[in-house]
Amino acid sequence: MRVGLAASLLVSSVCGAFAQSAEPAPAFEVASVKVSAVGEGQRVRTDAIATSPDGVTMTNIRLKSVVQWAYHLQPIQVTGPGWIESNRYDIMAKASGPVSKDQLRLMVQTLLAQRFKLTCHKETKEMPAYVVTVAKGGHKMKPSEGEGEMDAKPSGKGLIVAFTHVTMAQLSEMTQSPLQGVVVDQTGLTGAWDFSLDASSFAMTQPTGIDDLINMVIQAINEQLGLKIEQKKIPAELLTVDHAEKVPVEN
């Protein structure tokens, strides 16, 4: 997931405005959109998104999560009717050939407009955000070798998790949930990185509240990755879903 707030802070526009241009809106060649096949009584309630060079599969996903992915935003940046956070769908879409992930996102925007009749608007508002920069002593991550998707798996040593092929935008997205706020990458670091995070401190010292947890996350990232996180007020892009159909146009 890439946030890319910096490029859009000065922009306020209507979602889907790309469809008004002379160029046709990028769209999938085939797409299946259905109300989620996962029953209410089943335990699986996780949004699942899997991409390939020529398509995307979203399983048991909330409409809000589809919008977040399509417009490359974080949860706090998307608002709308309450049901977009509860109703779930299964989406399988294929392009006519390999495309970039940015093009896939544009295609999902088109799908949202066509199948869910989604309309929305954007605005820029000053709000508290967590800004990530490189700490004074420099970062402690290694450049990733070769190509690959982001991956995380136990290292086999205690509670250490090894991360590979992580971009700074993806790291920002990962930290926004525990920090419960917009996270903006201002490190200036490009490309993908490998690093490990040791969660043993969280197991040994239970946080007493959300503020304590946030401080622990900030400290761990600073000490283990050499990245500094500060809370500041910055202009942030917000997206509001004005209308969407609960029952999508199916295949």
Foldseek 3Di string as FASTA:
>chain_A
DFQPFVVPLPDWWWQPCVCVDPDHQQAFPDKFKFFAPDDPPDDDQDWDWDADQWWIKTHFHQQLVLLCQLNVHASVQEAEDPRSHPTGMIMTTGHPGGDDSNSRSSNSSVVQCAWFVWTKTKDKDWDKEKEKEFAPVGWDWAAAPDDDDWDWDDPPPAQKIKIWFAFPSNVQNVVCVLLVHRYHYPHPDDGGTIFMFHCVVCVVDPAPDSVSSNVVVQVRCCVGTRMHIDMDIDIGMHMYTPGTHSGTDGD
